[in-house]
PDB file of N, CA and C in Angstrom:
ATOM      1  N   MET A   1       0.833  -1.180   0.000  1.00  0.00           N
ATOM      2  CA  MET A   1       0.000   0.000   0.000  1.00  0.00           C
ATOM      3  C   MET A   1       0.879   1.246   0.000  1.00  0.00           C
ATOM      4  N   ASP A   2       0.501   2.226  -0.797  1.00  0.00           N
ATOM      5  CA  ASP A   2       1.274   3.461  -0.876  1.00  0.00           C
ATOM      6  C   ASP A   2       1.162   4.267   0.413  1.00  0.00           C
ATOM      7  N   GLN A   3       2.288   4.848   0.799  1.00  0.00           N
ATOM      8  CA  GLN A   3       2.320   5.685   1.990  1.00  0.00           C
ATOM      9  C   GLN A   3       2.494   7.130   1.546  1.00  0.00           C
ATOM     10  N   SER A   4       1.680   8.023   2.065  1.00  0.00           N
ATOM     11  CA  SER A   4       1.811   9.444   1.762  1.00  0.00           C
ATOM     12  C   SER A   4       2.985  10.012   2.548  1.00  0.00           C
ATOM     13  N   ILE A   5       3.847  10.721   1.853  1.00  0.00           N
ATOM     14  CA  ILE A   5       5.000  11.346   2.504  1.00  0.00           C
ATOM     15  C   ILE A   5       5.118  12.779   2.003  1.00  0.00           C
ATOM     16  N   LYS A   6       5.867  13.578   2.725  1.00  0.00           N
ATOM     17  CA  LYS A   6       6.175  14.940   2.305  1.00  0.00           C
ATOM     18  C   LYS A   6       7.685  15.059   2.243  1.00  0.00           C
ATOM     19  N   ILE A   7       8.148  15.577   1.118  1.00  0.00           N
ATOM     20  CA  ILE A   7       9.579  15.827   0.971  1.00  0.00           C
ATOM     21  C   ILE A   7       9.762  17.283   0.583  1.00  0.00           C
ATOM     22  N   ARG A   8      10.951  17.770   0.826  1.00  0.00           N
ATOM     23  CA  ARG A   8      11.269  19.157   0.512  1.00  0.00           C
ATOM     24  C   ARG A   8      12.423  19.161  -0.479  1.00  0.00           C
ATOM     25  N   ILE A   9      12.220  19.877  -1.577  1.00  0.00           N
ATOM     26  CA  ILE A   9      13.264  20.032  -2.592  1.00  0.00           C
ATOM     27  C   ILE A   9      13.453  21.521  -2.830  1.00  0.00           C
ATOM     28  N   ALA A  10      14.655  21.993  -2.573  1.00  0.00           N
ATOM     29  CA  ALA A  10      15.005  23.404  -2.780  1.00  0.00           C
ATOM     30  C   ALA A  10      14.000  24.329  -2.092  1.00  0.00           C
ATOM     31  N   GLY A  11      13.630  23.962  -0.863  1.00  0.00           N
ATOM     32  CA  GLY A  11      12.748  24.814  -0.077  1.00  0.00           C
ATOM     33  C   GLY A  11      11.268  24.648  -0.362  1.00  0.00           C
ATOM     34  N   GLN A  12      10.900  23.874  -1.351  1.00  0.00           N
ATOM     35  CA  GLN A  12       9.497  23.662  -1.713  1.00  0.00           C
ATOM     36  C   GLN A  12       9.066  22.284  -1.227  1.00  0.00           C
ATOM     37  N   GLU A  13       7.914  22.220  -0.550  1.00  0.00           N
ATOM     38  CA  GLU A  13       7.422  20.949  -0.031  1.00  0.00           C
ATOM     39  C   GLU A  13       6.500  20.286  -1.044  1.00  0.00           C
ATOM     40  N   TYR A  14       6.649  18.957  -1.166  1.00  0.00           N
ATOM     41  CA  TYR A  14       5.847  18.168  -2.092  1.00  0.00           C
ATOM     42  C   TYR A  14       5.241  16.980  -1.367  1.00  0.00           C
ATOM     43  N   SER A  15       3.961  16.739  -1.629  1.00  0.00           N
ATOM     44  CA  SER A  15       3.288  15.552  -1.103  1.00  0.00           C
ATOM     45  C   SER A  15       3.355  14.468  -2.167  1.00  0.00           C
ATOM     46  N   LEU A  16       3.911  13.329  -1.789  1.00  0.00           N
ATOM     47  CA  LEU A  16       4.087  12.227  -2.723  1.00  0.00           C
ATOM     48  C   LEU A  16       3.609  10.932  -2.085  1.00  0.00           C
ATOM     49  N   LYS A  17       3.571   9.889  -2.886  1.00  0.00           N
ATOM     50  CA  LYS A  17       3.228   8.563  -2.385  1.00  0.00           C
ATOM     51  C   LYS A  17       4.414   7.640  -2.655  1.00  0.00           C
ATOM     52  N   ALA A  18       4.775   6.881  -1.636  1.00  0.00           N
ATOM     53  CA  ALA A  18       5.868   5.925  -1.740  1.00  0.00           C
ATOM     54  C   ALA A  18       5.283   4.523  -1.651  1.00  0.00           C
ATOM     55  N   GLY A  19       5.656   3.665  -2.581  1.00  0.00           N
ATOM     56  CA  GLY A  19       5.115   2.317  -2.650  1.00  0.00           C
ATOM     57  C   GLY A  19       5.682   1.354  -1.626  1.00  0.00           C
ATOM     58  N   SER A  20       6.798   1.719  -1.009  1.00  0.00           N
ATOM     59  CA  SER A  20       7.419   0.853  -0.009  1.00  0.00           C
ATOM     60  C   SER A  20       8.357   1.694   0.857  1.00  0.00           C
ATOM     61  N   PRO A  21       8.753   1.165   2.000  1.00  0.00           N
ATOM     62  CA  PRO A  21       9.725   1.896   2.826  1.00  0.00           C
ATOM     63  C   PRO A  21      11.032   2.166   2.084  1.00  0.00           C
ATOM     64  N   GLU A  22      11.456   1.226   1.241  1.00  0.00           N
ATOM     65  CA  GLU A  22      12.694   1.427   0.477  1.00  0.00           C
ATOM     66  C   GLU A  22      12.536   2.575  -0.521  1.00  0.00           C
ATOM     67  N   ILE A  23      11.400   2.632  -1.189  1.00  0.00           N
ATOM     68  CA  ILE A  23      11.146   3.732  -2.130  1.00  0.00           C
ATOM     69  C   ILE A  23      11.092   5.062  -1.381  1.00  0.00           C
ATOM     70  N   GLU A  24      10.472   5.058  -0.213  1.00  0.00           N
ATOM     71  CA  GLU A  24      10.430   6.286   0.594  1.00  0.00           C
ATOM     72  C   GLU A  24      11.845   6.738   0.949  1.00  0.00           C
ATOM     73  N   ARG A  25      12.666   5.800   1.363  1.00  0.00           N
ATOM     74  CA  ARG A  25      14.056   6.133   1.726  1.00  0.00           C
ATOM     75  C   ARG A  25      14.787   6.725   0.526  1.00  0.00           C
ATOM     76  N   LEU A  26      14.613   6.100  -0.642  1.00  0.00           N
ATOM     77  CA  LEU A  26      15.275   6.595  -1.851  1.00  0.00           C
ATOM     78  C   LEU A  26      14.754   7.968  -2.266  1.00  0.00           C
ATOM     79  N   MET A  27      13.456   8.179  -2.121  1.00  0.00           N
ATOM     80  CA  MET A  27      12.885   9.485  -2.454  1.00  0.00           C
ATOM     81  C   MET A  27      13.464  10.577  -1.557  1.00  0.00           C
ATOM     82  N   ARG A  28      13.598  10.262  -0.284  1.00  0.00           N
ATOM     83  CA  ARG A  28      14.149  11.252   0.656  1.00  0.00           C
ATOM     84  C   ARG A  28      15.631  11.533   0.358  1.00  0.00           C
ATOM     85  N   LEU A  29      16.371  10.492   0.058  1.00  0.00           N
ATOM     86  CA  LEU A  29      17.783  10.678  -0.299  1.00  0.00           C
ATOM     87  C   LEU A  29      17.922  11.484  -1.591  1.00  0.00           C
ATOM     88  N   ALA A  30      17.082  11.188  -2.570  1.00  0.00           N
ATOM     89  CA  ALA A  30      17.126  11.916  -3.842  1.00  0.00           C
ATOM     90  C   ALA A  30      16.782  13.382  -3.629  1.00  0.00           C
ATOM     91  N   ALA A  31      15.756  13.657  -2.839  1.00  0.00           N
ATOM     92  CA  ALA A  31      15.357  15.041  -2.570  1.00  0.00           C
ATOM     93  C   ALA A  31      16.488  15.798  -1.882  1.00  0.00           C
ATOM     94  N   GLU A  32      17.151  15.133  -0.947  1.00  0.00           N
ATOM     95  CA  GLU A  32      18.272  15.754  -0.244  1.00  0.00           C
ATOM     96  C   GLU A  32      19.432  16.035  -1.205  1.00  0.00           C
ATOM     97  N   SER A  33      19.714  15.088  -2.077  1.00  0.00           N
ATOM     98  CA  SER A  33      20.795  15.255  -3.048  1.00  0.00           C
ATOM     99  C   SER A  33      20.516  16.419  -3.989  1.00  0.00           C
ATOM    100  N   VAL A  34      19.300  16.475  -4.513  1.00  0.00           N
ATOM    101  CA  VAL A  34      18.936  17.562  -5.429  1.00  0.00           C
ATOM    102  C   VAL A  34      19.006  18.899  -4.699  1.00  0.00           C
ATOM    103  N   SER A  35      18.491  18.958  -3.481  1.00  0.00           N
ATOM    104  CA  SER A  35      18.512  20.205  -2.715  1.00  0.00           C
ATOM    105  C   SER A  35      19.940  20.693  -2.481  1.00  0.00           C
ATOM    106  N   LYS A  36      20.841  19.774  -2.165  1.00  0.00           N
ATOM    107  CA  LYS A  36      22.241  20.163  -1.953  1.00  0.00           C
ATOM    108  C   LYS A  36      22.858  20.709  -3.233  1.00  0.00           C
ATOM    109  N   LYS A  37      22.542  20.075  -4.368  1.00  0.00           N
ATOM    110  CA  LYS A  37      23.077  20.562  -5.639  1.00  0.00           C
ATOM    111  C   LYS A  37      22.513  21.945  -5.972  1.00  0.00           C
ATOM    112  N   VAL A  38      21.238  22.148  -5.691  1.00  0.00           N
ATOM    113  CA  VAL A  38      20.631  23.462  -5.938  1.00  0.00           C
ATOM    114  C   VAL A  38      21.298  24.517  -5.067  1.00  0.00           C
ATOM    115  N   GLU A  39      21.630  24.176  -3.820  1.00  0.00           N
ATOM    116  CA  GLU A  39      22.336  25.115  -2.946  1.00  0.00           C
ATOM    117  C   GLU A  39      23.681  25.515  -3.542  1.00  0.00           C
ATOM    118  N   VAL A  40      24.394  24.535  -4.090  1.00  0.00           N
ATOM    119  CA  VAL A  40      25.693  24.826  -4.720  1.00  0.00           C
ATOM    120  C   VAL A  40      25.490  25.752  -5.910  1.00  0.00           C
ATOM    121  N   TYR A  41      24.515  25.428  -6.754  1.00  0.00           N
ATOM    122  CA  TYR A  41      24.258  26.274  -7.921  1.00  0.00           C
ATOM    123  C   TYR A  41      23.751  27.647  -7.503  1.00  0.00           C
ATOM    124  N   ASP A  42      23.020  27.711  -6.398  1.00  0.00           N
ATOM    125  CA  ASP A  42      22.520  28.994  -5.911  1.00  0.00           C
ATOM    126  C   ASP A  42      23.677  29.908  -5.530  1.00  0.00           C
ATOM    127  N   SER A  43      24.718  29.329  -4.919  1.00  0.00           N
ATOM    128  CA  SER A  43      25.863  30.152  -4.526  1.00  0.00           C
ATOM    129  C   SER A  43      26.719  30.539  -5.735  1.00  0.00           C
ATOM    130  N   LYS A  44      26.781  29.672  -6.741  1.00  0.00           N
ATOM    131  CA  LYS A  44      27.586  29.967  -7.931  1.00  0.00           C
ATOM    132  C   LYS A  44      26.861  30.861  -8.928  1.00  0.00           C
ATOM    133  N   PHE A  45      25.556  30.688  -9.015  1.00  0.00           N
ATOM    134  CA  PHE A  45      24.772  31.381 -10.038  1.00  0.00           C
ATOM    135  C   PHE A  45      23.577  32.085  -9.396  1.00  0.00           C
ATOM    136  N   SER A  46      23.851  33.001  -8.495  1.00  0.00           N
ATOM    137  CA  SER A  46      22.773  33.666  -7.765  1.00  0.00           C
ATOM    138  C   SER A  46      21.868  34.484  -8.685  1.00  0.00           C
ATOM    139  N   ASP A  47      22.371  34.838  -9.858  1.00  0.00           N
ATOM    140  CA  ASP A  47      21.566  35.633 -10.790  1.00  0.00           C
ATOM    141  C   ASP A  47      20.623  34.775 -11.645  1.00  0.00           C
ATOM    142  N   ARG A  48      20.759  33.453 -11.580  1.00  0.00           N
ATOM    143  CA  ARG A  48      19.920  32.562 -12.389  1.00  0.00           C
ATOM    144  C   ARG A  48      18.631  32.231 -11.660  1.00  0.00           C
ATOM    145  N   SER A  49      17.613  31.854 -12.418  1.00  0.00           N
ATOM    146  CA  SER A  49      16.320  31.508 -11.825  1.00  0.00           C
ATOM    147  C   SER A  49      16.395  30.144 -11.140  1.00  0.00           C
ATOM    148  N   MET A  50      15.420  29.888 -10.281  1.00  0.00           N
ATOM    149  CA  MET A  50      15.348  28.596  -9.602  1.00  0.00           C
ATOM    150  C   MET A  50      15.137  27.486 -10.635  1.00  0.00           C
ATOM    151  N   VAL A  51      14.397  27.764 -11.684  1.00  0.00           N
ATOM    152  CA  VAL A  51      14.178  26.765 -12.737  1.00  0.00           C
ATOM    153  C   VAL A  51      15.516  26.375 -13.358  1.00  0.00           C
ATOM    154  N   ASP A  52      16.372  27.358 -13.621  1.00  0.00           N
ATOM    155  CA  ASP A  52      17.697  27.063 -14.175  1.00  0.00           C
ATOM    156  C   ASP A  52      18.511  26.202 -13.211  1.00  0.00           C
ATOM    157  N   LYS A  53      18.484  26.554 -11.944  1.00  0.00           N
ATOM    158  CA  LYS A  53      19.258  25.807 -10.941  1.00  0.00           C
ATOM    159  C   LYS A  53      18.744  24.378 -10.820  1.00  0.00           C
ATOM    160  N   LEU A  54      17.419  24.207 -10.855  1.00  0.00           N
ATOM    161  CA  LEU A  54      16.853  22.862 -10.817  1.00  0.00           C
ATOM    162  C   LEU A  54      17.212  22.085 -12.088  1.00  0.00           C
ATOM    163  N   ALA A  55      17.239  22.778 -13.224  1.00  0.00           N
ATOM    164  CA  ALA A  55      17.632  22.116 -14.471  1.00  0.00           C
ATOM    165  C   ALA A  55      19.089  21.667 -14.397  1.00  0.00           C
ATOM    166  N   PHE A  56      19.967  22.500 -13.839  1.00  0.00           N
ATOM    167  CA  PHE A  56      21.372  22.118 -13.678  1.00  0.00           C
ATOM    168  C   PHE A  56      21.483  20.895 -12.763  1.00  0.00           C
ATOM    169  N   ALA A  57      20.711  20.902 -11.672  1.00  0.00           N
ATOM    170  CA  ALA A  57      20.738  19.772 -10.738  1.00  0.00           C
ATOM    171  C   ALA A  57      20.229  18.503 -11.421  1.00  0.00           C
ATOM    172  N   ALA A  58      19.154  18.628 -12.197  1.00  0.00           N
ATOM    173  CA  ALA A  58      18.612  17.463 -12.913  1.00  0.00           C
ATOM    174  C   ALA A  58      19.624  16.938 -13.921  1.00  0.00           C
ATOM    175  N   LEU A  59      20.280  17.831 -14.635  1.00  0.00           N
ATOM    176  CA  LEU A  59      21.297  17.425 -15.601  1.00  0.00           C
ATOM    177  C   LEU A  59      22.442  16.710 -14.898  1.00  0.00           C
ATOM    178  N   ASN A  60      22.877  17.260 -13.772  1.00  0.00           N
ATOM    179  CA  ASN A  60      23.961  16.646 -13.008  1.00  0.00           C
ATOM    180  C   ASN A  60      23.578  15.254 -12.537  1.00  0.00           C
ATOM    181  N   GLU A  61      22.363  15.092 -12.042  1.00  0.00           N
ATOM    182  CA  GLU A  61      21.889  13.780 -11.588  1.00  0.00           C
ATOM    183  C   GLU A  61      21.800  12.797 -12.753  1.00  0.00           C
ATOM    184  N   ALA A  62      21.310  13.270 -13.901  1.00  0.00           N
ATOM    185  CA  ALA A  62      21.191  12.393 -15.072  1.00  0.00           C
ATOM    186  C   ALA A  62      22.567  11.959 -15.558  1.00  0.00           C
ATOM    187  N   ILE A  63      23.526  12.860 -15.558  1.00  0.00           N
ATOM    188  CA  ILE A  63      24.891  12.510 -15.959  1.00  0.00           C
ATOM    189  C   ILE A  63      25.451  11.444 -15.014  1.00  0.00           C
ATOM    190  N   GLY A  64      25.231  11.608 -13.725  1.00  0.00           N
ATOM    191  CA  GLY A  64      25.694  10.617 -12.752  1.00  0.00           C
ATOM    192  C   GLY A  64      25.058   9.257 -12.983  1.00  0.00           C
ATOM    193  N   ARG A  65      23.753   9.249 -13.247  1.00  0.00           N
ATOM    194  CA  ARG A  65      23.048   7.989 -13.493  1.00  0.00           C
ATOM    195  C   ARG A  65      23.560   7.323 -14.758  1.00  0.00           C
ATOM    196  N   LEU A  66      23.731   8.092 -15.824  1.00  0.00           N
ATOM    197  CA  LEU A  66      24.220   7.527 -17.082  1.00  0.00           C
ATOM    198  C   LEU A  66      25.648   7.005 -16.942  1.00  0.00           C
ATOM    199  N   SER A  67      26.460   7.710 -16.180  1.00  0.00           N
ATOM    200  CA  SER A  67      27.828   7.261 -15.935  1.00  0.00           C
ATOM    201  C   SER A  67      27.827   5.931 -15.180  1.00  0.00           C
ATOM    202  N   CYS A  68      26.996   5.832 -14.158  1.00  0.00           N
ATOM    203  CA  CYS A  68      26.895   4.575 -13.398  1.00  0.00           C
ATOM    204  C   CYS A  68      26.381   3.447 -14.283  1.00  0.00           C
ATOM    205  N   GLN A  69      25.401   3.740 -15.127  1.00  0.00           N
ATOM    206  CA  GLN A  69      24.851   2.718 -16.015  1.00  0.00           C
ATOM    207  C   GLN A  69      25.920   2.226 -16.991  1.00  0.00           C
ATOM    208  N   SER A  70      26.715   3.149 -17.511  1.00  0.00           N
ATOM    209  CA  SER A  70      27.791   2.785 -18.424  1.00  0.00           C
ATOM    210  C   SER A  70      28.813   1.889 -17.729  1.00  0.00           C
ATOM    211  N   LYS A  71      29.185   2.244 -16.511  1.00  0.00           N
ATOM    212  CA  LYS A  71      30.135   1.429 -15.741  1.00  0.00           C
ATOM    213  C   LYS A  71      29.549   0.061 -15.417  1.00  0.00           C
ATOM    214  N   LEU A  72      28.270   0.028 -15.082  1.00  0.00           N
ATOM    215  CA  LEU A  72      27.603  -1.240 -14.800  1.00  0.00           C
ATOM    216  C   LEU A  72      27.580  -2.125 -16.045  1.00  0.00           C
ATOM    217  N   ASN A  73      27.248  -1.539 -17.197  1.00  0.00           N
ATOM    218  CA  ASN A  73      27.239  -2.306 -18.447  1.00  0.00           C
ATOM    219  C   ASN A  73      28.628  -2.871 -18.759  1.00  0.00           C
ATOM    220  N   ALA A  74      29.664  -2.076 -18.542  1.00  0.00           N
ATOM    221  CA  ALA A  74      31.030  -2.546 -18.778  1.00  0.00           C
ATOM    222  C   ALA A  74      31.371  -3.693 -17.820  1.00  0.00           C
ATOM    223  N   ALA A  75      30.963  -3.570 -16.565  1.00  0.00           N
ATOM    224  CA  ALA A  75      31.230  -4.634 -15.587  1.00  0.00           C
ATOM    225  C   ALA A  75      30.465  -5.908 -15.940  1.00  0.00           C
ATOM    226  N   LEU A  76      29.238  -5.755 -16.409  1.00  0.00           N
ATOM    227  CA  LEU A  76      28.456  -6.921 -16.823  1.00  0.00           C
ATOM    228  C   LEU A  76      29.086  -7.611 -18.030  1.00  0.00           C
ATOM    229  N   GLU A  77      29.576  -6.825 -18.954  1.00  0.00           N
ATOM    230  CA  GLU A  77      30.238  -7.400 -20.134  1.00  0.00           C
ATOM    231  C   GLU A  77      31.513  -8.133 -19.725  1.00  0.00           C
ATOM    232  N   GLU A  78      32.275  -7.544 -18.830  1.00  0.00           N
ATOM    233  CA  GLU A  78      33.499  -8.188 -18.334  1.00  0.00           C
ATOM    234  C   GLU A  78      33.143  -9.489 -17.605  1.00  0.00           C
ATOM    235  N   THR A  79      32.069  -9.467 -16.822  1.00  0.00           N
ATOM    236  CA  THR A  79      31.614 -10.674 -16.126  1.00  0.00           C
ATOM    237  C   THR A  79      31.228 -11.753 -17.121  1.00  0.00           C
ATOM    238  N   ARG A  80      30.525 -11.373 -18.178  1.00  0.00           N
ATOM    239  CA  ARG A  80      30.113 -12.331 -19.213  1.00  0.00           C
ATOM    240  C   ARG A  80      31.336 -12.969 -19.864  1.00  0.00           C
ATOM    241  N   LYS A  81      32.331 -12.142 -20.189  1.00  0.00           N
ATOM    242  CA  LYS A  81      33.554 -12.659 -20.809  1.00  0.00           C
ATOM    243  C   LYS A  81      34.295 -13.611 -19.865  1.00  0.00           C
ATOM    244  N   LEU A  82      34.408 -13.229 -18.602  1.00  0.00           N
ATOM    245  CA  LEU A  82      35.083 -14.091 -17.631  1.00  0.00           C
ATOM    246  C   LEU A  82      34.342 -15.414 -17.457  1.00  0.00           C
ATOM    247  N   HIS A  83      33.025 -15.358 -17.467  1.00  0.00           N
ATOM    248  CA  HIS A  83      32.228 -16.579 -17.366  1.00  0.00           C
ATOM    249  C   HIS A  83      32.494 -17.495 -18.562  1.00  0.00           C
ATOM    250  N   GLU A  84      32.514 -16.920 -19.758  1.00  0.00           N
ATOM    251  CA  GLU A  84      32.794 -17.715 -20.960  1.00  0.00           C
ATOM    252  C   GLU A  84      34.188 -18.325 -20.910  1.00  0.00           C
ATOM    253  N   GLU A  85      35.171 -17.544 -20.475  1.00  0.00           N
ATOM    254  CA  GLU A  85      36.538 -18.059 -20.375  1.00  0.00           C
ATOM    255  C   GLU A  85      36.614 -19.188 -19.350  1.00  0.00           C
ATOM    256  N   THR A  86      35.932 -19.024 -18.243  1.00  0.00           N
ATOM    257  CA  THR A  86      35.919 -20.060 -17.207  1.00  0.00           C
ATOM    258  C   THR A  86      35.283 -21.337 -17.735  1.00  0.00           C
ATOM    259  N   GLU A  87      34.173 -21.199 -18.450  1.00  0.00           N
ATOM    260  CA  GLU A  87      33.499 -22.361 -19.033  1.00  0.00           C
ATOM    261  C   GLU A  87      34.414 -23.084 -20.021  1.00  0.00           C
ATOM    262  N   ARG A  88      35.096 -22.334 -20.875  1.00  0.00           N
ATOM    263  CA  ARG A  88      36.027 -22.948 -21.835  1.00  0.00           C
ATOM    264  C   ARG A  88      37.156 -23.664 -21.113  1.00  0.00           C
ATOM    265  N   TYR A  89      37.694 -23.025 -20.082  1.00  0.00           N
ATOM    266  CA  TYR A  89      38.774 -23.625 -19.313  1.00  0.00           C
ATOM    267  C   TYR A  89      38.313 -24.944 -18.690  1.00  0.00           C
ATOM    268  N   LEU A  90      37.140 -24.923 -18.068  1.00  0.00           N
ATOM    269  CA  LEU A  90      36.623 -26.135 -17.430  1.00  0.00           C
ATOM    270  C   LEU A  90      36.332 -27.235 -18.443  1.00  0.00           C
ATOM    271  N   GLU A  91      35.816 -26.886 -19.606  1.00  0.00           N
ATOM    272  CA  GLU A  91      35.543 -27.872 -20.646  1.00  0.00           C
ATOM    273  C   GLU A  91      36.838 -28.512 -21.126  1.00  0.00           C
ATOM    274  N   ASN A  92      37.872 -27.705 -21.298  1.00  0.00           N
ATOM    275  CA  ASN A  92      39.155 -28.224 -21.759  1.00  0.00           C
ATOM    276  C   ASN A  92      39.823 -29.109 -20.719  1.00  0.00           C
ATOM    277  N   ASN A  93      39.648 -28.808 -19.456  1.00  0.00           N
ATOM    278  CA  ASN A  93      40.283 -29.600 -18.403  1.00  0.00           C
ATOM    279  C   ASN A  93      39.506 -30.865 -18.052  1.00  0.00           C
ATOM    280  N   GLU A  94      38.238 -30.904 -18.387  1.00  0.00           N
ATOM    281  CA  GLU A  94      37.458 -32.111 -18.137  1.00  0.00           C
ATOM    282  C   GLU A  94      37.901 -33.256 -19.056  1.00  0.00           C
ATOM    283  N   GLU A  95      38.449 -32.910 -20.186  1.00  0.00           N
ATOM    284  CA  GLU A  95      38.881 -33.912 -21.151  1.00  0.00           C
ATOM    285  C   GLU A  95      40.159 -34.605 -20.736  1.00  0.00           C
ATOM    286  N   ILE A  96      40.874 -34.012 -19.841  1.00  0.00           N
ATOM    287  CA  ILE A  96      42.193 -34.563 -19.440  1.00  0.00           C
ATOM    288  C   ILE A  96      42.032 -35.732 -18.525  1.00  0.00           C
TER     289      ILE A  96
END
């Protein structure tokens, strides 16, 4: 069952629904991360609008996610190759 929660992002409060305690935890961590990034952009770009600062934070988060996904894909590919090499090694040694 969804749980109603309130989170704050860049000083603005939002009412949301979390499908599980884990999702709630992740939502709160994400809101905190975005808020911290907006604070950094606020100090660097005080003349920019809040929409711009939120866009910068969203872009930064998306870049981080894409970077992690790329690293994960590379690790999965390396795992697949190692698995294939291990299988070949075991097949060759079973014949001995």
